[in-house]
């Protein structure tokens, strides 16, 4: 479990479905990560669904970047 990491930059890593599923599981248990950059990882809708499922109980992530552009998805905590 993450106990201190607040920002994680994983752009250009080719995550795919398996990577998003693993990240979704990690985000479900996360208590410190506030910003996650997954831009340019070829994340398709089914993979994004796996990632988002991990956010349902996550209370700390405030910034999630998932597009190739500078667009950012922000949510209110």
PDB file of N, CA and C in Angstrom:
ATOM      1  N   UNK A   1       0.848  -1.186   0.000  1.00  0.00           N
ATOM      2  CA  UNK A   1       0.000   0.000   0.000  1.00  0.00           C
ATOM      3  C   UNK A   1       0.888   1.241   0.000  1.00  0.00           C
ATOM      4  N   UNK A   2       0.482   2.240  -0.754  1.00  0.00           N
ATOM      5  CA  UNK A   2       1.185   3.510  -0.821  1.00  0.00           C
ATOM      6  C   UNK A   2       1.030   4.250   0.500  1.00  0.00           C
ATOM      7  N   UNK A   3       2.146   4.704   1.066  1.00  0.00           N
ATOM      8  CA  UNK A   3       2.059   5.418   2.346  1.00  0.00           C
ATOM      9  C   UNK A   3       2.620   6.830   2.279  1.00  0.00           C
ATOM     10  N   UNK A   4       3.001   7.319   1.089  1.00  0.00           N
ATOM     11  CA  UNK A   4       3.533   8.664   1.026  1.00  0.00           C
ATOM     12  C   UNK A   4       3.553   9.308  -0.346  1.00  0.00           C
ATOM     13  N   UNK A   5       3.383   8.541  -1.409  1.00  0.00           N
ATOM     14  CA  UNK A   5       3.435   9.064  -2.766  1.00  0.00           C
ATOM     15  C   UNK A   5       2.197   9.907  -3.059  1.00  0.00           C
ATOM     16  N   UNK A   6       2.401  11.162  -3.478  1.00  0.00           N
ATOM     17  CA  UNK A   6       1.286  12.063  -3.759  1.00  0.00           C
ATOM     18  C   UNK A   6       1.076  12.304  -5.253  1.00  0.00           C
ATOM     19  N   UNK A   7       2.127  12.204  -6.057  1.00  0.00           N
ATOM     20  CA  UNK A   7       2.043  12.428  -7.497  1.00  0.00           C
ATOM     21  C   UNK A   7       2.736  11.280  -8.212  1.00  0.00           C
ATOM     22  N   UNK A   8       2.054  10.731  -9.244  1.00  0.00           N
ATOM     23  CA  UNK A   8       2.622   9.621 -10.003  1.00  0.00           C
ATOM     24  C   UNK A   8       2.470   9.921 -11.487  1.00  0.00           C
ATOM     25  N   UNK A   9       3.599   9.984 -12.200  1.00  0.00           N
ATOM     26  CA  UNK A   9       3.615  10.274 -13.631  1.00  0.00           C
ATOM     27  C   UNK A   9       3.941   8.994 -14.388  1.00  0.00           C
ATOM     28  N   UNK A  10       2.948   8.451 -15.091  1.00  0.00           N
ATOM     29  CA  UNK A  10       3.128   7.210 -15.844  1.00  0.00           C
ATOM     30  C   UNK A  10       2.734   7.385 -17.311  1.00  0.00           C
ATOM     31  N   UNK A  11       2.928   8.583 -17.838  1.00  0.00           N
ATOM     32  CA  UNK A  11       2.599   8.861 -19.237  1.00  0.00           C
ATOM     33  C   UNK A  11       3.499   8.050 -20.163  1.00  0.00           C
ATOM     34  N   UNK A  12       2.967   7.717 -21.347  1.00  0.00           N
ATOM     35  CA  UNK A  12       3.704   7.019 -22.403  1.00  0.00           C
ATOM     36  C   UNK A  12       4.219   5.645 -21.968  1.00  0.00           C
ATOM     37  N   UNK A  13       3.402   4.856 -21.289  1.00  0.00           N
ATOM     38  CA  UNK A  13       3.808   3.524 -20.861  1.00  0.00           C
ATOM     39  C   UNK A  13       3.009   2.397 -21.505  1.00  0.00           C
ATOM     40  N   UNK A  14       2.046   2.699 -22.345  1.00  0.00           N
ATOM     41  CA  UNK A  14       1.284   1.659 -23.024  1.00  0.00           C
ATOM     42  C   UNK A  14       0.527   0.739 -22.087  1.00  0.00           C
ATOM     43  N   UNK A  15      -0.090   1.280 -21.074  1.00  0.00           N
ATOM     44  CA  UNK A  15      -0.793   0.524 -20.043  1.00  0.00           C
ATOM     45  C   UNK A  15      -1.698  -0.579 -20.559  1.00  0.00           C
ATOM     46  N   UNK A  16      -2.650  -0.245 -21.385  1.00  0.00           N
ATOM     47  CA  UNK A  16      -3.606  -1.227 -21.863  1.00  0.00           C
ATOM     48  C   UNK A  16      -4.570  -1.677 -20.777  1.00  0.00           C
ATOM     49  N   UNK A  17      -5.312  -2.740 -21.073  1.00  0.00           N
ATOM     50  CA  UNK A  17      -6.363  -3.215 -20.180  1.00  0.00           C
ATOM     51  C   UNK A  17      -5.802  -3.735 -18.856  1.00  0.00           C
ATOM     52  N   UNK A  18      -4.778  -4.572 -18.926  1.00  0.00           N
ATOM     53  CA  UNK A  18      -4.213  -5.165 -17.709  1.00  0.00           C
ATOM     54  C   UNK A  18      -3.640  -4.107 -16.771  1.00  0.00           C
ATOM     55  N   UNK A  19      -2.962  -3.135 -17.343  1.00  0.00           N
ATOM     56  CA  UNK A  19      -2.385  -2.068 -16.535  1.00  0.00           C
ATOM     57  C   UNK A  19      -3.453  -1.234 -15.857  1.00  0.00           C
ATOM     58  N   UNK A  20      -4.528  -0.951 -16.575  1.00  0.00           N
ATOM     59  CA  UNK A  20      -5.616  -0.170 -15.994  1.00  0.00           C
ATOM     60  C   UNK A  20      -6.341  -0.959 -14.908  1.00  0.00           C
ATOM     61  N   UNK A  21      -6.499  -2.244 -15.105  1.00  0.00           N
ATOM     62  CA  UNK A  21      -7.133  -3.078 -14.084  1.00  0.00           C
ATOM     63  C   UNK A  21      -6.290  -3.081 -12.807  1.00  0.00           C
ATOM     64  N   UNK A  22      -4.978  -3.227 -12.958  1.00  0.00           N
ATOM     65  CA  UNK A  22      -4.079  -3.213 -11.800  1.00  0.00           C
ATOM     66  C   UNK A  22      -4.084  -1.848 -11.118  1.00  0.00           C
ATOM     67  N   UNK A  23      -4.074  -0.778 -11.920  1.00  0.00           N
ATOM     68  CA  UNK A  23      -4.094   0.567 -11.344  1.00  0.00           C
ATOM     69  C   UNK A  23      -5.413   0.814 -10.632  1.00  0.00           C
ATOM     70  N   UNK A  24      -6.516   0.323 -11.186  1.00  0.00           N
ATOM     71  CA  UNK A  24      -7.821   0.457 -10.543  1.00  0.00           C
ATOM     72  C   UNK A  24      -7.827  -0.200  -9.175  1.00  0.00           C
ATOM     73  N   UNK A  25      -7.244  -1.390  -9.085  1.00  0.00           N
ATOM     74  CA  UNK A  25      -7.151  -2.083  -7.793  1.00  0.00           C
ATOM     75  C   UNK A  25      -6.303  -1.286  -6.808  1.00  0.00           C
ATOM     76  N   UNK A  26      -5.198  -0.743  -7.285  1.00  0.00           N
ATOM     77  CA  UNK A  26      -4.317   0.039  -6.418  1.00  0.00           C
ATOM     78  C   UNK A  26      -5.005   1.319  -5.940  1.00  0.00           C
ATOM     79  N   UNK A  27      -5.757   1.963  -6.834  1.00  0.00           N
ATOM     80  CA  UNK A  27      -6.446   3.204  -6.457  1.00  0.00           C
ATOM     81  C   UNK A  27      -7.536   2.957  -5.426  1.00  0.00           C
ATOM     82  N   UNK A  28      -8.116   1.777  -5.445  1.00  0.00           N
ATOM     83  CA  UNK A  28      -9.169   1.458  -4.474  1.00  0.00           C
ATOM     84  C   UNK A  28      -8.628   1.467  -3.050  1.00  0.00           C
ATOM     85  N   UNK A  29      -7.350   1.110  -2.887  1.00  0.00           N
ATOM     86  CA  UNK A  29      -6.729   1.047  -1.559  1.00  0.00           C
ATOM     87  C   UNK A  29      -5.887   2.271  -1.229  1.00  0.00           C
ATOM     88  N   UNK A  30      -5.715   3.161  -2.172  1.00  0.00           N
ATOM     89  CA  UNK A  30      -4.848   4.323  -2.000  1.00  0.00           C
ATOM     90  C   UNK A  30      -5.384   5.300  -0.952  1.00  0.00           C
ATOM     91  N   UNK A  31      -4.477   5.843  -0.154  1.00  0.00           N
ATOM     92  CA  UNK A  31      -4.875   6.855   0.842  1.00  0.00           C
ATOM     93  C   UNK A  31      -4.052   8.134   0.739  1.00  0.00           C
ATOM     94  N   UNK A  32      -3.093   8.201  -0.199  1.00  0.00           N
ATOM     95  CA  UNK A  32      -2.257   9.401  -0.286  1.00  0.00           C
ATOM     96  C   UNK A  32      -2.126  10.008  -1.680  1.00  0.00           C
ATOM     97  N   UNK A  33      -2.255   9.215  -2.743  1.00  0.00           N
ATOM     98  CA  UNK A  33      -2.044   9.722  -4.097  1.00  0.00           C
ATOM     99  C   UNK A  33      -3.084  10.777  -4.453  1.00  0.00           C
ATOM    100  N   UNK A  34      -2.591  11.954  -4.881  1.00  0.00           N
ATOM    101  CA  UNK A  34      -3.476  13.070  -5.199  1.00  0.00           C
ATOM    102  C   UNK A  34      -3.521  13.380  -6.687  1.00  0.00           C
ATOM    103  N   UNK A  35      -2.474  13.010  -7.438  1.00  0.00           N
ATOM    104  CA  UNK A  35      -2.400  13.334  -8.857  1.00  0.00           C
ATOM    105  C   UNK A  35      -1.805  12.154  -9.618  1.00  0.00           C
ATOM    106  N   UNK A  36      -2.502  11.732 -10.686  1.00  0.00           N
ATOM    107  CA  UNK A  36      -2.066  10.592 -11.494  1.00  0.00           C
ATOM    108  C   UNK A  36      -2.110  10.979 -12.968  1.00  0.00           C
ATOM    109  N   UNK A  37      -0.978  10.856 -13.660  1.00  0.00           N
ATOM    110  CA  UNK A  37      -0.880  11.192 -15.072  1.00  0.00           C
ATOM    111  C   UNK A  37      -0.699   9.909 -15.878  1.00  0.00           C
ATOM    112  N   UNK A  38      -1.737   9.552 -16.641  1.00  0.00           N
ATOM    113  CA  UNK A  38      -1.704   8.365 -17.501  1.00  0.00           C
ATOM    114  C   UNK A  38      -1.873   8.748 -18.969  1.00  0.00           C
ATOM    115  N   UNK A  39      -1.480   9.973 -19.334  1.00  0.00           N
ATOM    116  CA  UNK A  39      -1.654  10.425 -20.711  1.00  0.00           C
ATOM    117  C   UNK A  39      -0.842   9.564 -21.677  1.00  0.00           C
ATOM    118  N   UNK A  40      -1.348   9.460 -22.895  1.00  0.00           N
ATOM    119  CA  UNK A  40      -0.674   8.751 -23.986  1.00  0.00           C
ATOM    120  C   UNK A  40      -0.383   7.293 -23.657  1.00  0.00           C
ATOM    121  N   UNK A  41      -1.350   6.609 -23.062  1.00  0.00           N
ATOM    122  CA  UNK A  41      -1.194   5.198 -22.726  1.00  0.00           C
ATOM    123  C   UNK A  41      -2.145   4.295 -23.488  1.00  0.00           C
ATOM    124  N   UNK A  42      -2.766   4.793 -24.559  1.00  0.00           N
ATOM    125  CA  UNK A  42      -3.675   3.988 -25.378  1.00  0.00           C
ATOM    126  C   UNK A  42      -4.755   3.320 -24.529  1.00  0.00           C
ATOM    127  N   UNK A  43      -5.362   4.084 -23.668  1.00  0.00           N
ATOM    128  CA  UNK A  43      -6.404   3.562 -22.786  1.00  0.00           C
ATOM    129  C   UNK A  43      -7.738   3.603 -23.523  1.00  0.00           C
ATOM    130  N   UNK A  44      -8.286   2.439 -23.819  1.00  0.00           N
ATOM    131  CA  UNK A  44      -9.564   2.312 -24.516  1.00  0.00           C
ATOM    132  C   UNK A  44     -10.696   2.257 -23.494  1.00  0.00           C
ATOM    133  N   UNK A  45     -11.930   2.517 -23.904  1.00  0.00           N
ATOM    134  CA  UNK A  45     -13.057   2.561 -22.957  1.00  0.00           C
ATOM    135  C   UNK A  45     -13.168   1.385 -21.982  1.00  0.00           C
ATOM    136  N   UNK A  46     -13.024   0.118 -22.406  1.00  0.00           N
ATOM    137  CA  UNK A  46     -13.111  -0.965 -21.415  1.00  0.00           C
ATOM    138  C   UNK A  46     -12.011  -0.873 -20.346  1.00  0.00           C
ATOM    139  N   UNK A  47     -10.813  -0.474 -20.761  1.00  0.00           N
ATOM    140  CA  UNK A  47      -9.712  -0.325 -19.808  1.00  0.00           C
ATOM    141  C   UNK A  47      -9.971   0.849 -18.872  1.00  0.00           C
ATOM    142  N   UNK A  48     -10.512   1.919 -19.416  1.00  0.00           N
ATOM    143  CA  UNK A  48     -10.840   3.077 -18.587  1.00  0.00           C
ATOM    144  C   UNK A  48     -11.886   2.703 -17.536  1.00  0.00           C
ATOM    145  N   UNK A  49     -12.820   1.837 -17.915  1.00  0.00           N
ATOM    146  CA  UNK A  49     -13.820   1.360 -16.962  1.00  0.00           C
ATOM    147  C   UNK A  49     -13.183   0.648 -15.786  1.00  0.00           C
ATOM    148  N   UNK A  50     -12.146  -0.139 -16.051  1.00  0.00           N
ATOM    149  CA  UNK A  50     -11.430  -0.821 -14.975  1.00  0.00           C
ATOM    150  C   UNK A  50     -10.750   0.183 -14.045  1.00  0.00           C
ATOM    151  N   UNK A  51     -10.179   1.202 -14.635  1.00  0.00           N
ATOM    152  CA  UNK A  51      -9.506   2.241 -13.855  1.00  0.00           C
ATOM    153  C   UNK A  51     -10.511   2.995 -12.987  1.00  0.00           C
ATOM    154  N   UNK A  52     -11.614   3.390 -13.588  1.00  0.00           N
ATOM    155  CA  UNK A  52     -12.632   4.164 -12.878  1.00  0.00           C
ATOM    156  C   UNK A  52     -13.265   3.358 -11.738  1.00  0.00           C
ATOM    157  N   UNK A  53     -13.376   2.053 -11.909  1.00  0.00           N
ATOM    158  CA  UNK A  53     -13.971   1.239 -10.845  1.00  0.00           C
ATOM    159  C   UNK A  53     -13.166   1.343  -9.553  1.00  0.00           C
ATOM    160  N   UNK A  54     -11.876   1.556  -9.671  1.00  0.00           N
ATOM    161  CA  UNK A  54     -11.038   1.721  -8.492  1.00  0.00           C
ATOM    162  C   UNK A  54     -11.198   3.064  -7.818  1.00  0.00           C
ATOM    163  N   UNK A  55     -11.798   4.006  -8.529  1.00  0.00           N
ATOM    164  CA  UNK A  55     -11.984   5.346  -7.971  1.00  0.00           C
ATOM    165  C   UNK A  55     -13.259   5.475  -7.137  1.00  0.00           C
ATOM    166  N   UNK A  56     -14.118   4.482  -7.195  1.00  0.00           N
ATOM    167  CA  UNK A  56     -15.400   4.569  -6.495  1.00  0.00           C
ATOM    168  C   UNK A  56     -15.244   4.840  -5.002  1.00  0.00           C
ATOM    169  N   UNK A  57     -14.249   4.231  -4.378  1.00  0.00           N
ATOM    170  CA  UNK A  57     -14.047   4.416  -2.940  1.00  0.00           C
ATOM    171  C   UNK A  57     -12.826   5.277  -2.617  1.00  0.00           C
ATOM    172  N   UNK A  58     -12.140   5.748  -3.651  1.00  0.00           N
ATOM    173  CA  UNK A  58     -10.946   6.564  -3.445  1.00  0.00           C
ATOM    174  C   UNK A  58     -11.350   7.979  -3.039  1.00  0.00           C
ATOM    175  N   UNK A  59     -10.787   8.470  -1.957  1.00  0.00           N
ATOM    176  CA  UNK A  59     -11.132   9.800  -1.439  1.00  0.00           C
ATOM    177  C   UNK A  59     -10.009  10.826  -1.609  1.00  0.00           C
ATOM    178  N   UNK A  60      -8.851  10.414  -2.136  1.00  0.00           N
ATOM    179  CA  UNK A  60      -7.706  11.327  -2.178  1.00  0.00           C
ATOM    180  C   UNK A  60      -7.333  11.832  -3.564  1.00  0.00           C
ATOM    181  N   UNK A  61      -7.564  11.036  -4.614  1.00  0.00           N
ATOM    182  CA  UNK A  61      -7.147  11.452  -5.950  1.00  0.00           C
ATOM    183  C   UNK A  61      -7.989  12.630  -6.427  1.00  0.00           C
ATOM    184  N   UNK A  62      -7.318  13.743  -6.718  1.00  0.00           N
ATOM    185  CA  UNK A  62      -8.010  14.961  -7.146  1.00  0.00           C
ATOM    186  C   UNK A  62      -7.783  15.257  -8.625  1.00  0.00           C
ATOM    187  N   UNK A  63      -6.658  14.779  -9.197  1.00  0.00           N
ATOM    188  CA  UNK A  63      -6.334  15.046 -10.593  1.00  0.00           C
ATOM    189  C   UNK A  63      -5.998  13.724 -11.274  1.00  0.00           C
ATOM    190  N   UNK A  64      -6.694  13.467 -12.389  1.00  0.00           N
ATOM    191  CA  UNK A  64      -6.437  12.281 -13.195  1.00  0.00           C
ATOM    192  C   UNK A  64      -6.323  12.716 -14.650  1.00  0.00           C
ATOM    193  N   UNK A  65      -5.165  12.517 -15.247  1.00  0.00           N
ATOM    194  CA  UNK A  65      -4.936  12.859 -16.654  1.00  0.00           C
ATOM    195  C   UNK A  65      -4.906  11.559 -17.450  1.00  0.00           C
ATOM    196  N   UNK A  66      -5.796  11.465 -18.440  1.00  0.00           N
ATOM    197  CA  UNK A  66      -5.873  10.234 -19.218  1.00  0.00           C
ATOM    198  C   UNK A  66      -5.855  10.458 -20.725  1.00  0.00           C
ATOM    199  N   UNK A  67      -5.769  11.681 -21.186  1.00  0.00           N
ATOM    200  CA  UNK A  67      -5.781  11.966 -22.625  1.00  0.00           C
ATOM    201  C   UNK A  67      -4.396  12.345 -23.120  1.00  0.00           C
ATOM    202  N   UNK A  68      -4.260  12.361 -24.422  1.00  0.00           N
ATOM    203  CA  UNK A  68      -2.984  12.740 -25.023  1.00  0.00           C
ATOM    204  C   UNK A  68      -2.758  14.241 -24.979  1.00  0.00           C
ATOM    205  N   UNK A  69      -3.843  15.006 -24.776  1.00  0.00           N
ATOM    206  CA  UNK A  69      -3.703  16.458 -24.714  1.00  0.00           C
ATOM    207  C   UNK A  69      -3.528  16.896 -23.260  1.00  0.00           C
ATOM    208  N   UNK A  70      -3.566  18.182 -23.050  1.00  0.00           N
ATOM    209  CA  UNK A  70      -3.397  18.725 -21.711  1.00  0.00           C
ATOM    210  C   UNK A  70      -4.690  18.719 -20.909  1.00  0.00           C
ATOM    211  N   UNK A  71      -5.754  18.141 -21.476  1.00  0.00           N
ATOM    212  CA  UNK A  71      -7.023  18.091 -20.754  1.00  0.00           C
ATOM    213  C   UNK A  71      -6.881  17.290 -19.480  1.00  0.00           C
ATOM    214  N   UNK A  72      -7.538  17.725 -18.457  1.00  0.00           N
ATOM    215  CA  UNK A  72      -7.463  17.078 -17.156  1.00  0.00           C
ATOM    216  C   UNK A  72      -8.864  16.867 -16.623  1.00  0.00           C
ATOM    217  N   UNK A  73      -9.095  15.702 -16.083  1.00  0.00           N
ATOM    218  CA  UNK A  73     -10.362  15.426 -15.426  1.00  0.00           C
ATOM    219  C   UNK A  73     -10.175  15.765 -13.964  1.00  0.00           C
ATOM    220  N   UNK A  74     -11.003  16.661 -13.446  1.00  0.00           N
ATOM    221  CA  UNK A  74     -10.904  17.030 -12.031  1.00  0.00           C
ATOM    222  C   UNK A  74     -12.220  16.695 -11.351  1.00  0.00           C
ATOM    223  N   UNK A  75     -12.122  16.302 -10.124  1.00  0.00           N
ATOM    224  CA  UNK A  75     -13.334  16.039  -9.370  1.00  0.00           C
ATOM    225  C   UNK A  75     -13.223  16.709  -8.016  1.00  0.00           C
ATOM    226  N   UNK A  76     -14.350  17.001  -7.453  1.00  0.00           N
ATOM    227  CA  UNK A  76     -14.376  17.615  -6.141  1.00  0.00           C
ATOM    228  C   UNK A  76     -14.313  16.537  -5.091  1.00  0.00           C
ATOM    229  N   UNK A  77     -13.450  16.752  -4.123  1.00  0.00           N
ATOM    230  CA  UNK A  77     -13.292  15.777  -3.033  1.00  0.00           C
ATOM    231  C   UNK A  77     -14.343  16.028  -1.975  1.00  0.00           C
TER     232      UNK A  77
END
